[in-house]
């Protein structure tokens, strides 16, 4: 339990439009995470539901919640139940798919979200673990498949392998030691000239940290998921 929830508010959940913290607030957070990864407005959104999500998404408001998160709505936004109409007005093609098989990550409240437009595509699989909290399990960026299995906040940093002075894991740990900040973990995923570093954060980084990361010459992209 201690590894999953960090405070009593993780169990109670946020102020929200109902009916369920797992199926509504957690679903919204999954959509928000996918939107943060995508960074642009999607033209097409495909959501695959598994197990409990597949069985109850219509009655529990999961559709409008997860789409609301993708559109940038908050858990208490009165427009949240109208997110499907909002997507339609923005000409976003939305599809919900009820998968018959088991969750690919072993959790009943699992969704895979695929966001697309002409020049970008991402896929994110995560689960709602209760109280409005989520775990991000699998991500595809730049056609690189990453097994994440992490709780928020997570920092995705794209390094350009054409530079010779890329940071190693030890370099990243040293970078954050300079700010007296302790990382939980680091994972690196690489294919061809593209390398994504995933930093597992205890708390969100300061604005100065984020500025300094973006100023590193080999950093092409830095995405905070929180």
Protein backbone atom coordinates (compact mmCIF):
# COMPACT_ATOMS: atom_id res chain seq x y z
CA UNK A 1 0.00 0.00 0.00
CA UNK A 2 2.80 2.42 0.89
CA UNK A 3 4.34 1.94 -2.57
CA UNK A 4 1.05 2.79 -4.28
CA UNK A 5 -0.48 5.62 -2.22
CA UNK A 6 1.55 8.54 -0.92
CA UNK A 7 -1.10 10.26 1.22
CA UNK A 8 -4.64 9.83 2.51
CA UNK A 9 -5.82 12.05 -0.37
CA UNK A 10 -4.66 9.37 -2.82
CA UNK A 11 -7.25 7.07 -1.23
CA UNK A 12 -10.09 9.60 -0.83
CA UNK A 13 -9.53 11.02 -4.29
CA UNK A 14 -10.00 14.52 -5.72
CA UNK A 15 -13.07 16.74 -5.87
CA UNK A 16 -14.75 15.52 -9.01
CA UNK A 17 -17.78 15.05 -11.20
CA UNK A 18 -18.95 11.50 -10.30
CA UNK A 19 -19.76 8.75 -10.05
CA UNK A 20 -16.54 6.85 -9.26
CA UNK A 21 -12.98 7.80 -8.36
CA UNK A 22 -11.59 4.77 -10.20
CA UNK A 23 -13.82 4.93 -13.27
CA UNK A 24 -14.17 8.71 -13.53
CA UNK A 25 -11.35 10.61 -11.79
CA UNK A 26 -8.75 7.93 -12.52
CA UNK A 27 -9.94 7.68 -16.11
CA UNK A 28 -9.58 11.44 -16.51
CA UNK A 29 -6.02 11.26 -15.19
CA UNK A 30 -5.24 8.55 -17.75
CA UNK A 31 -6.55 10.78 -20.51
CA UNK A 32 -4.59 13.73 -19.16
CA UNK A 33 -1.37 11.67 -19.14
CA UNK A 34 -1.92 10.64 -22.76
CA UNK A 35 -2.59 14.25 -23.75
CA UNK A 36 0.58 15.44 -22.01
CA UNK A 37 2.58 12.82 -23.89
CA UNK A 38 1.02 13.84 -27.21
CA UNK A 39 1.48 17.61 -26.60
CA UNK A 40 -0.74 18.56 -29.54
CA UNK A 41 -4.45 18.39 -30.26
CA UNK A 42 -5.25 14.95 -31.60
CA UNK A 43 -7.31 14.49 -34.74
CA UNK A 44 -8.12 10.89 -33.89
CA UNK A 45 -8.50 9.21 -30.48
CA UNK A 46 -8.92 5.46 -30.05
CA UNK A 47 -9.48 4.05 -26.57
CA UNK A 48 -9.31 0.34 -25.81
CA UNK A 49 -10.97 -0.74 -22.55
CA UNK A 50 -10.15 -3.94 -20.67
CA UNK A 51 -11.96 -5.99 -18.02
CA UNK A 52 -13.90 -3.76 -15.59
CA UNK A 53 -13.48 -0.67 -17.77
CA UNK A 54 -14.82 -2.61 -20.76
CA UNK A 55 -17.82 -3.86 -18.79
CA UNK A 56 -18.89 -0.66 -17.02
CA UNK A 57 -17.52 2.34 -18.94
CA UNK A 58 -20.92 3.46 -20.20
CA UNK A 59 -22.64 3.49 -16.82
CA UNK A 60 -19.70 4.88 -14.85
CA UNK A 61 -18.89 7.86 -17.02
CA UNK A 62 -15.50 6.53 -18.10
CA UNK A 63 -15.98 7.69 -21.70
CA UNK A 64 -16.56 11.34 -20.92
CA UNK A 65 -13.90 11.27 -18.18
CA UNK A 66 -11.04 9.82 -20.19
CA UNK A 67 -11.87 12.02 -23.18
CA UNK A 68 -12.20 15.03 -20.88
CA UNK A 69 -8.67 14.39 -19.64
CA UNK A 70 -7.43 14.27 -23.23
CA UNK A 71 -9.17 17.60 -23.87
CA UNK A 72 -7.57 19.18 -20.79
CA UNK A 73 -10.59 19.32 -18.48
CA UNK A 74 -10.22 18.99 -14.71
CA UNK A 75 -12.04 16.53 -12.45
CA UNK A 76 -14.37 19.24 -11.11
CA UNK A 77 -15.10 20.94 -14.46
CA UNK A 78 -18.87 21.12 -15.04
CA UNK A 79 -18.22 20.63 -18.76
CA UNK A 80 -16.72 17.19 -18.13
CA UNK A 81 -19.94 15.23 -18.90
CA UNK A 82 -20.09 17.06 -22.26
CA UNK A 83 -16.59 16.13 -23.42
CA UNK A 84 -17.87 13.89 -26.24
CA UNK A 85 -19.79 16.83 -27.70
CA UNK A 86 -16.73 19.03 -27.25
CA UNK A 87 -14.62 16.53 -29.20
CA UNK A 88 -17.23 16.41 -31.94
CA UNK A 89 -17.27 20.21 -32.20
CA UNK A 90 -13.47 20.15 -32.56
CA UNK A 91 -13.74 17.52 -35.34
CA UNK A 92 -11.89 14.87 -33.33
CA UNK A 93 -12.63 11.31 -34.44
CA UNK A 94 -13.25 9.28 -31.25
CA UNK A 95 -13.66 5.51 -30.98
CA UNK A 96 -14.16 3.35 -27.88
CA UNK A 97 -13.36 -0.36 -28.14
CA UNK A 98 -14.38 -2.97 -25.55
CA UNK A 99 -11.68 -5.63 -25.51
CA UNK A 100 -12.80 -9.15 -24.61
CA UNK A 101 -9.42 -10.41 -23.44
CA UNK A 102 -7.58 -9.75 -20.17
CA UNK A 103 -5.75 -6.56 -19.34
CA UNK A 104 -2.26 -6.53 -20.88
CA UNK A 105 -0.92 -5.16 -17.58
CA UNK A 106 -2.89 -7.33 -15.15
CA UNK A 107 -5.29 -4.72 -13.75
CA UNK A 108 -9.09 -4.63 -14.23
CA UNK A 109 -9.27 -0.86 -14.77
CA UNK A 110 -7.01 -0.67 -17.81
CA UNK A 111 -7.17 1.53 -20.90
CA UNK A 112 -4.94 1.90 -23.93
CA UNK A 113 -5.18 5.34 -25.51
CA UNK A 114 -3.95 6.02 -29.03
CA UNK A 115 -3.73 9.68 -30.08
CA UNK A 116 -3.00 10.58 -33.69
CA UNK A 117 -2.69 13.39 -36.18
CA UNK A 118 -0.88 13.72 -39.49
CA UNK A 119 2.62 14.08 -38.07
CA UNK A 120 2.45 12.36 -34.68
CA UNK A 121 1.17 9.21 -32.99
CA UNK A 122 1.48 8.00 -29.41
CA UNK A 123 0.07 5.08 -27.48
CA UNK A 124 -0.23 4.90 -23.70
CA UNK A 125 -1.54 2.06 -21.56
CA UNK A 126 -2.33 2.65 -17.91
CA UNK A 127 -4.62 1.65 -15.10
CA UNK A 128 -6.72 3.47 -12.52
CA UNK A 129 -5.65 2.21 -9.10
CA UNK A 130 -8.19 4.02 -6.91
CA UNK A 131 -8.71 7.44 -5.38
CA UNK A 132 -8.12 9.13 -8.72
CA UNK A 133 -4.54 7.83 -8.89
CA UNK A 134 -3.09 6.04 -11.91
CA UNK A 135 -0.17 3.94 -13.00
CA UNK A 136 1.36 4.38 -16.45
CA UNK A 137 2.43 0.96 -17.70
CA UNK A 138 3.34 1.05 -21.39
CA UNK A 139 4.11 3.91 -23.76
CA UNK A 140 4.96 4.15 -27.45
CA UNK A 141 6.76 7.30 -28.58
CA UNK A 142 8.61 7.69 -31.88
CA UNK A 143 7.81 4.02 -32.57
CA UNK A 144 9.78 3.04 -29.46
CA UNK A 145 7.90 0.73 -27.09
CA UNK A 146 8.61 1.41 -23.43
CA UNK A 147 7.61 -0.59 -20.37
CA UNK A 148 7.16 2.07 -17.70
CA UNK A 149 5.15 0.63 -14.77
CA UNK A 150 5.45 3.90 -12.89
CA UNK A 151 3.39 6.31 -10.83
CA UNK A 152 3.22 10.02 -11.54
CA UNK A 153 5.08 12.30 -11.84
CA UNK A 154 7.21 10.93 -14.68
CA UNK A 155 9.60 12.93 -16.85
CA UNK A 156 10.17 11.79 -20.45
CA UNK A 157 13.31 13.27 -22.01
CA UNK A 158 14.30 12.72 -25.63
CA UNK A 159 18.06 12.72 -26.23
CA UNK A 160 19.60 13.03 -29.69
CA UNK A 161 22.17 10.28 -30.16
CA UNK A 162 24.02 12.35 -32.76
CA UNK A 163 25.58 14.24 -29.85
CA UNK A 164 28.57 12.67 -28.14
CA UNK A 165 27.90 14.20 -24.72
CA UNK A 166 24.60 12.47 -23.89
CA UNK A 167 23.82 11.96 -20.24
CA UNK A 168 24.15 8.46 -18.83
CA UNK A 169 22.14 7.28 -15.84
CA UNK A 170 24.96 8.42 -13.55
CA UNK A 171 24.94 11.85 -15.20
CA UNK A 172 21.21 12.23 -14.60
CA UNK A 173 21.53 11.23 -10.97
CA UNK A 174 24.36 13.76 -10.57
CA UNK A 175 22.28 16.45 -12.32
CA UNK A 176 19.48 16.09 -9.77
CA UNK A 177 21.90 15.73 -6.85
CA UNK A 178 22.94 19.29 -7.67
CA UNK A 179 19.40 20.34 -6.66
CA UNK A 180 19.34 17.98 -3.64
CA UNK A 181 16.63 16.02 -5.46
CA UNK A 182 16.50 12.23 -5.28
CA UNK A 183 15.16 10.30 -8.27
CA UNK A 184 13.28 7.05 -7.65
CA UNK A 185 14.54 5.38 -10.81
CA UNK A 186 15.75 5.96 -14.37
CA UNK A 187 15.08 3.91 -17.49
CA UNK A 188 16.54 4.46 -20.95
CA UNK A 189 14.95 3.27 -24.20
CA UNK A 190 16.90 3.56 -27.44
CA UNK A 191 16.37 2.85 -31.12
CA UNK A 192 18.53 4.18 -33.97
CA UNK A 193 19.34 7.85 -33.29
CA UNK A 194 16.46 8.29 -30.84
CA UNK A 195 16.82 7.78 -27.12
CA UNK A 196 14.12 8.39 -24.50
CA UNK A 197 15.06 8.71 -20.85
CA UNK A 198 12.29 8.20 -18.30
CA UNK A 199 12.88 9.79 -14.90
CA UNK A 200 10.80 8.52 -11.99
CA UNK A 201 10.14 11.54 -9.79
CA UNK A 202 9.15 11.71 -6.12
CA UNK A 203 7.63 15.16 -6.63
CA UNK A 204 7.29 17.49 -9.60
CA UNK A 205 10.58 19.20 -10.54
CA UNK A 206 11.04 22.91 -9.98
CA UNK A 207 10.71 25.34 -12.86
CA UNK A 208 14.48 25.96 -12.67
CA UNK A 209 15.20 22.24 -13.05
CA UNK A 210 12.92 22.06 -16.08
CA UNK A 211 14.56 25.12 -17.66
CA UNK A 212 18.03 23.68 -17.11
CA UNK A 213 17.01 20.34 -18.64
CA UNK A 214 15.58 22.04 -21.72
CA UNK A 215 18.81 24.03 -22.08
CA UNK A 216 20.93 20.87 -22.42
CA UNK A 217 22.17 20.78 -26.03
CA UNK A 218 21.25 17.13 -26.63
CA UNK A 219 17.69 17.38 -25.28
CA UNK A 220 15.19 17.52 -28.14
CA UNK A 221 12.03 17.18 -26.10
CA UNK A 222 11.12 17.08 -22.40
CA UNK A 223 7.64 16.03 -21.27
CA UNK A 224 6.47 16.09 -17.66
CA UNK A 225 3.54 13.78 -16.87
CA UNK A 226 1.91 14.81 -13.60
